[in-house]
Protein backbone atom coordinates (compact mmCIF):
# COMPACT_ATOMS: atom_id res chain seq x y z
CA MET A 1 -5.81 -13.04 -19.13
CA ARG A 2 -8.71 -11.13 -20.53
CA ILE A 3 -12.07 -12.58 -21.47
CA LYS A 4 -14.24 -11.01 -24.14
CA ILE A 5 -17.67 -12.41 -25.00
CA GLU A 6 -19.42 -11.19 -28.14
CA PRO A 7 -23.00 -12.08 -29.05
CA LYS A 8 -23.59 -13.91 -32.30
CA GLU A 9 -26.80 -14.82 -34.09
CA PHE A 10 -29.37 -17.28 -32.73
CA PHE A 11 -28.45 -16.92 -29.06
CA MET A 12 -24.86 -17.92 -29.71
CA SER A 13 -21.71 -16.20 -28.49
CA ALA A 14 -18.04 -15.96 -29.33
CA VAL A 15 -15.54 -16.18 -26.48
CA PHE A 16 -12.05 -14.73 -26.81
CA LEU A 17 -9.40 -15.53 -24.23
CA ALA A 18 -6.45 -13.15 -24.55
CA PHE A 19 -3.13 -13.88 -22.84
CA SER A 20 -0.52 -11.12 -22.66
CA LYS A 21 2.81 -12.24 -24.08
CA GLU A 22 4.75 -9.42 -22.41
CA HIS A 23 3.05 -9.30 -19.00
CA PRO A 24 1.47 -12.68 -18.21
CA ASP A 25 -1.10 -12.75 -15.44
CA PRO A 26 -0.72 -15.17 -12.52
CA GLU A 27 -3.67 -17.29 -13.69
CA ASP A 28 -2.55 -17.71 -17.31
CA GLU A 29 -0.67 -21.00 -16.96
CA ALA A 30 -3.38 -22.58 -14.80
CA ILE A 31 -6.07 -21.64 -17.32
CA LYS A 32 -4.03 -22.96 -20.25
CA ALA A 33 -3.42 -26.19 -18.31
CA TYR A 34 -7.18 -26.45 -17.63
CA LEU A 35 -7.95 -26.02 -21.34
CA ASP A 36 -5.40 -28.73 -22.19
CA ALA A 37 -6.59 -31.12 -19.47
CA HIS A 38 -10.18 -30.86 -20.73
CA GLU A 39 -9.10 -31.04 -24.37
CA LEU A 40 -10.75 -27.70 -25.15
CA ILE A 41 -9.38 -26.76 -28.53
CA PRO A 42 -9.98 -23.24 -29.87
CA LYS A 43 -11.76 -22.75 -33.20
CA ALA A 44 -9.03 -20.29 -34.08
CA GLN A 45 -6.01 -18.74 -32.47
CA GLY A 46 -3.63 -15.96 -33.27
CA THR A 47 -2.06 -12.81 -31.95
CA ASP A 48 -3.38 -9.30 -31.59
CA ARG A 49 -2.19 -6.05 -30.10
CA PHE A 50 -4.19 -4.17 -27.43
CA GLU A 51 -3.01 -1.22 -25.37
CA ASP A 52 0.55 -1.55 -26.71
CA GLN A 53 0.82 -5.21 -25.69
CA ASP A 54 0.95 -8.38 -27.78
CA PHE A 55 -1.63 -11.01 -26.86
CA GLU A 56 -2.12 -14.63 -27.78
CA VAL A 57 -5.85 -14.86 -28.54
CA LEU A 58 -7.88 -18.07 -28.45
CA TYR A 59 -11.36 -18.06 -29.99
CA PHE A 60 -14.04 -20.48 -28.80
CA GLY A 61 -17.75 -20.84 -29.33
CA GLY A 62 -19.69 -20.05 -26.18
CA CYS A 63 -21.67 -23.30 -26.33
CA TYR A 64 -18.48 -25.29 -26.76
CA LEU A 65 -16.97 -23.84 -23.59
CA GLY A 66 -20.28 -24.10 -21.73
CA THR A 67 -19.77 -24.44 -17.99
CA HIS A 68 -15.99 -24.47 -18.50
CA LEU A 69 -16.27 -20.70 -18.90
CA ASP A 70 -17.57 -20.46 -15.32
CA VAL A 71 -14.55 -22.45 -14.10
CA ILE A 72 -12.19 -20.21 -16.09
CA ARG A 73 -13.83 -17.07 -14.67
CA ASP A 74 -13.51 -18.50 -11.15
CA MET A 75 -9.82 -19.27 -11.73
CA GLN A 76 -9.28 -15.72 -12.96
CA ARG A 77 -11.19 -14.23 -10.04
CA GLN A 78 -9.25 -16.36 -7.53
CA ALA A 79 -5.96 -15.14 -8.98
CA VAL A 80 -7.08 -11.50 -8.89
CA GLU A 81 -8.32 -11.87 -5.31
CA HIS A 82 -5.03 -13.50 -4.29
CA GLN A 83 -3.07 -10.65 -5.85
CA LEU A 84 -5.26 -7.98 -4.23
CA LEU A 85 -4.95 -9.65 -0.82
CA THR A 86 -1.18 -9.91 -1.13
CA VAL A 87 -0.84 -6.22 -1.98
CA ASP A 88 -3.21 -5.14 0.80
CA ILE A 89 -1.58 -7.29 3.49
CA GLU A 90 1.87 -6.08 2.47
CA ARG A 91 0.58 -2.49 2.60
CA ILE A 92 -0.94 -3.03 6.07
CA LEU A 93 2.31 -4.45 7.44
CA GLN A 94 4.41 -1.71 5.85
CA ALA A 95 2.13 1.08 7.07
CA THR A 96 1.58 -0.16 10.61
CA THR A 97 2.25 2.22 13.45
CA ALA A 98 1.73 -0.42 16.16
CA PRO A 99 5.15 -0.62 17.85
CA GLU A 100 5.38 -4.42 18.22
CA THR A 101 4.06 -5.14 14.73
CA ARG A 102 6.41 -2.53 13.25
CA ARG A 103 9.43 -4.02 15.08
CA VAL A 104 8.59 -7.61 14.08
CA ALA A 105 7.82 -6.70 10.46
CA ASP A 106 11.10 -4.75 10.19
CA THR A 107 13.26 -7.49 11.74
CA THR A 108 11.74 -10.54 10.07
CA PRO A 109 13.96 -11.79 7.22
CA ALA A 110 12.42 -11.20 3.78
CA PRO A 111 11.87 -14.90 2.90
CA GLN A 112 10.14 -15.56 6.22
CA LEU A 113 8.08 -12.38 5.90
CA GLN A 114 6.92 -13.42 2.41
CA ALA A 115 5.98 -16.87 3.74
CA LEU A 116 3.96 -15.27 6.56
CA ILE A 117 2.22 -12.96 4.09
CA ALA A 118 1.42 -15.96 1.86
CA HIS A 119 -0.07 -17.73 4.90
CA LEU A 120 -2.19 -14.68 5.73
CA VAL A 121 -3.38 -14.46 2.12
CA GLN A 122 -4.51 -18.11 2.22
CA GLU A 123 -6.19 -17.65 5.59
CA PHE A 124 -8.07 -14.48 4.64
CA HIS A 125 -8.98 -15.55 1.10
CA GLN A 126 -12.71 -15.69 1.74
CA ASP A 127 -15.79 -13.84 0.49
CA THR A 128 -15.98 -11.66 3.61
CA SER A 129 -12.56 -10.16 2.78
CA PHE A 130 -13.92 -8.46 -0.36
CA GLY A 131 -16.44 -5.84 -1.29
CA ALA A 132 -17.01 -3.30 -4.03
CA ASN A 133 -15.81 0.27 -4.21
CA GLU A 134 -17.95 3.22 -5.33
CA ALA A 135 -17.37 2.33 -8.99
CA GLY A 136 -18.36 -1.29 -8.40
CA TYR A 137 -14.84 -2.70 -8.66
CA LEU A 138 -13.56 -5.43 -6.37
CA ARG A 139 -11.70 -4.22 -3.30
CA VAL A 140 -10.24 -5.75 -0.15
CA THR A 141 -12.08 -5.02 3.11
CA LEU A 142 -9.57 -6.31 5.67
CA GLU A 143 -9.26 -4.67 9.07
CA PRO A 144 -5.61 -3.71 9.62
CA ALA A 145 -5.77 -4.49 13.35
CA VAL A 146 -6.98 -8.03 12.65
CA ILE A 147 -4.18 -8.61 10.12
CA GLU A 148 -1.57 -7.20 12.51
CA GLN A 149 -2.79 -9.37 15.39
CA ARG A 150 -2.83 -12.53 13.25
CA PHE A 151 0.62 -11.69 11.86
CA LEU A 152 2.05 -11.49 15.38
CA GLU A 153 0.35 -14.78 16.34
CA LEU A 154 1.91 -16.51 13.34
CA VAL A 155 5.34 -15.10 14.14
CA ARG A 156 5.07 -16.36 17.73
CA LYS A 157 4.07 -19.84 16.51
CA SER A 158 7.02 -19.99 14.12
CA VAL A 159 9.60 -19.17 16.80
């Protein structure tokens, strides 16, 4: 989902929530469910095309969404962080040169490995696991050795 906020007159704003029809983001359904649960009805809705993708676009007044916009941003950020952590932990386990970690990662059945990665993502989903890169974009700051050690501990507990 993409959020676009445009200023309007008299300290007002227009909020556009755009959901890709072709490549939905992980947070899309949760955000739509939140809008429904709080009976937040868009002033207008339609479709638009950006970057060769079709989007469902919902238009709200900024005052109408109020603090709900903060919740929606947090939901989106949580989903992005979860995705970044998953990719980084998978990369760490695939790139490890530590013999025991390499052996365990290679011999663990795929479903169990994915469950262990999901556990690690939940465990390390905290503010200290993130920082900003040189361009100011969100990045993961995990230490590979810490992830490898915790991975092995989890494997030992599951045996």
